[in-house]
Amino acid sequence: MNYERNLTFNLRVRGLSESEITEVLDDVRAHRAAAGAPAAVEFGPADEYAKQFPKTKRRTLGKTITSVGAALAIAYLLLAVLLMLLFKIDVRDFVGPITLLPAVILILASILAGFLTDYFKPAQSSRGAR
């Protein structure tokens, strides 16, 4: 299971579609069942095995989450500047002495959420069972 999760994550990072990932995992499972040996022995480390597949640009759910978090952080910073310039409202009165801290926290949280989403999202199974 851990090998499949690592392989799935590395294939997502390389930009393979979910259907392509499913095909690769089905092949790995079939080969593992036929050979009776662990997948890591047959195919090598998951990250190395994933490198044989072409890298393409594809937006995963994790990348989308990270992008939205970064956009919200930028929007917060723009709002803070506009409030200061237009209305003379200092956001530090509301968020504390460091204006950038909420934006930094938001960006870090979105990066972590994006990574965890891509890593722990299970791969689709063509057979309905894993």
Protein backbone atom coordinates (compact mmCIF):
# COMPACT_ATOMS: atom_id res chain seq x y z
CA MET A 1 0.00 0.00 0.00
CA ASN A 2 2.75 2.45 0.86
CA TYR A 3 4.51 1.75 -2.44
CA GLU A 4 1.28 2.40 -4.34
CA ARG A 5 0.68 5.67 -2.48
CA ASN A 6 4.22 6.85 -3.19
CA LEU A 7 3.95 5.81 -6.82
CA THR A 8 0.57 7.53 -7.17
CA PHE A 9 1.95 10.76 -5.68
CA ASN A 10 5.02 10.72 -7.91
CA LEU A 11 2.93 10.06 -11.00
CA ARG A 12 0.64 12.97 -10.09
CA VAL A 13 3.66 15.22 -9.68
CA ARG A 14 4.77 14.16 -13.17
CA GLY A 15 1.36 15.22 -14.52
CA LEU A 16 -0.22 11.89 -15.43
CA SER A 17 -4.01 11.83 -15.52
CA GLU A 18 -5.95 9.76 -13.02
CA SER A 19 -6.83 7.20 -15.71
CA GLU A 20 -3.15 6.85 -16.65
CA ILE A 21 -2.23 6.43 -12.99
CA THR A 22 -4.90 3.75 -12.66
CA GLU A 23 -3.44 1.87 -15.63
CA VAL A 24 0.08 2.02 -14.18
CA LEU A 25 -1.13 0.83 -10.77
CA ASP A 26 -3.11 -2.00 -12.36
CA ASP A 27 0.03 -3.11 -14.20
CA VAL A 28 2.08 -2.95 -11.00
CA ARG A 29 -0.55 -4.92 -9.07
CA ALA A 30 -0.84 -7.55 -11.81
CA HIS A 31 2.93 -7.95 -12.08
CA ARG A 32 3.27 -8.13 -8.30
CA ALA A 33 0.56 -10.80 -8.08
CA ALA A 34 2.13 -12.84 -10.90
CA ALA A 35 5.68 -12.60 -9.58
CA GLY A 36 4.79 -12.87 -5.91
CA ALA A 37 7.46 -10.32 -5.04
CA PRO A 38 6.99 -6.85 -3.54
CA ALA A 39 6.59 -4.06 -6.08
CA ALA A 40 9.70 -2.27 -4.81
CA VAL A 41 11.80 -5.34 -5.65
CA GLU A 42 10.31 -5.69 -9.12
CA PHE A 43 10.14 -2.03 -10.15
CA GLY A 44 12.59 -0.26 -7.84
CA PRO A 45 11.76 2.75 -5.66
CA ALA A 46 8.46 4.44 -6.53
CA ASP A 47 10.05 7.80 -7.34
CA GLU A 48 12.59 6.20 -9.66
CA TYR A 49 9.96 4.07 -11.41
CA ALA A 50 7.75 7.14 -11.92
CA LYS A 51 10.61 8.94 -13.72
CA GLN A 52 10.22 6.65 -16.74
CA PHE A 53 6.87 8.29 -17.54
CA PRO A 54 6.83 11.56 -19.48
CA LYS A 55 6.41 14.71 -17.44
CA THR A 56 3.50 16.89 -18.52
CA LYS A 57 1.89 20.03 -17.15
CA ARG A 58 -1.33 19.20 -15.38
CA ARG A 59 -3.02 20.93 -12.48
CA THR A 60 -3.75 18.60 -9.58
CA LEU A 61 -6.19 19.32 -6.77
CA GLY A 62 -3.25 20.00 -4.47
CA LYS A 63 -1.79 22.58 -6.86
CA THR A 64 -5.20 24.24 -7.07
CA ILE A 65 -5.44 24.44 -3.28
CA THR A 66 -1.97 25.96 -3.08
CA SER A 67 -2.77 28.49 -5.81
CA VAL A 68 -6.00 29.56 -4.13
CA GLY A 69 -4.18 30.01 -0.81
CA ALA A 70 -1.50 32.14 -2.46
CA ALA A 71 -4.15 34.23 -4.24
CA LEU A 72 -5.99 34.80 -0.94
CA ALA A 73 -2.74 35.84 0.75
CA ILE A 74 -2.02 38.34 -2.04
CA ALA A 75 -5.60 39.64 -1.82
CA TYR A 76 -5.15 40.11 1.95
CA LEU A 77 -1.96 42.11 1.40
CA LEU A 78 -3.58 44.27 -1.27
CA LEU A 79 -6.55 44.89 1.03
CA ALA A 80 -4.22 45.88 3.86
CA VAL A 81 -2.42 48.38 1.63
CA LEU A 82 -5.68 49.79 0.21
CA LEU A 83 -7.20 50.18 3.68
CA MET A 84 -4.10 52.05 4.78
CA LEU A 85 -3.95 54.31 1.74
CA LEU A 86 -7.63 55.04 1.22
CA PHE A 87 -9.18 54.89 4.69
CA LYS A 88 -6.14 55.27 6.99
CA ILE A 89 -7.08 51.97 8.69
CA ASP A 90 -4.07 50.06 9.98
CA VAL A 91 -4.70 46.32 9.86
CA ARG A 92 -2.07 45.84 12.55
CA ASP A 93 -4.72 47.02 15.00
CA PHE A 94 -6.66 43.85 14.14
CA VAL A 95 -4.03 41.23 13.31
CA GLY A 96 -1.17 42.18 15.61
CA PRO A 97 2.14 43.92 15.08
CA ILE A 98 3.18 41.94 12.00
CA THR A 99 1.04 42.69 8.94
CA LEU A 100 2.53 39.85 6.87
CA LEU A 101 1.99 37.09 9.45
CA PRO A 102 -1.58 36.14 8.36
CA ALA A 103 -0.47 36.02 4.72
CA VAL A 104 2.54 33.85 5.56
CA ILE A 105 0.39 31.50 7.63
CA LEU A 106 -2.16 31.26 4.82
CA ILE A 107 0.49 30.45 2.23
CA LEU A 108 2.19 27.84 4.42
CA ALA A 109 -1.15 26.23 5.29
CA SER A 110 -2.17 26.07 1.62
CA ILE A 111 1.16 24.51 0.62
CA LEU A 112 0.78 21.88 3.33
CA ALA A 113 -2.88 21.24 2.45
CA GLY A 114 -2.02 20.93 -1.25
CA PHE A 115 0.80 18.46 -0.59
CA LEU A 116 -1.28 16.35 1.78
CA THR A 117 -4.20 16.34 -0.66
CA ASP A 118 -2.06 15.05 -3.52
CA TYR A 119 -0.22 12.56 -1.31
CA PHE A 120 -3.19 11.00 0.50
CA LYS A 121 -5.80 11.12 -2.26
CA PRO A 122 -6.26 7.48 -3.23
CA ALA A 123 -5.82 6.46 -6.82
CA GLN A 124 -8.87 5.29 -8.69
CA SER A 125 -9.11 1.56 -9.15
CA SER A 126 -10.35 0.16 -12.42
CA ARG A 127 -11.50 -3.01 -10.67
CA GLY A 128 -13.38 -1.26 -7.86
CA ALA A 129 -11.21 -2.84 -5.15
CA ARG A 130 -7.64 -2.23 -4.16
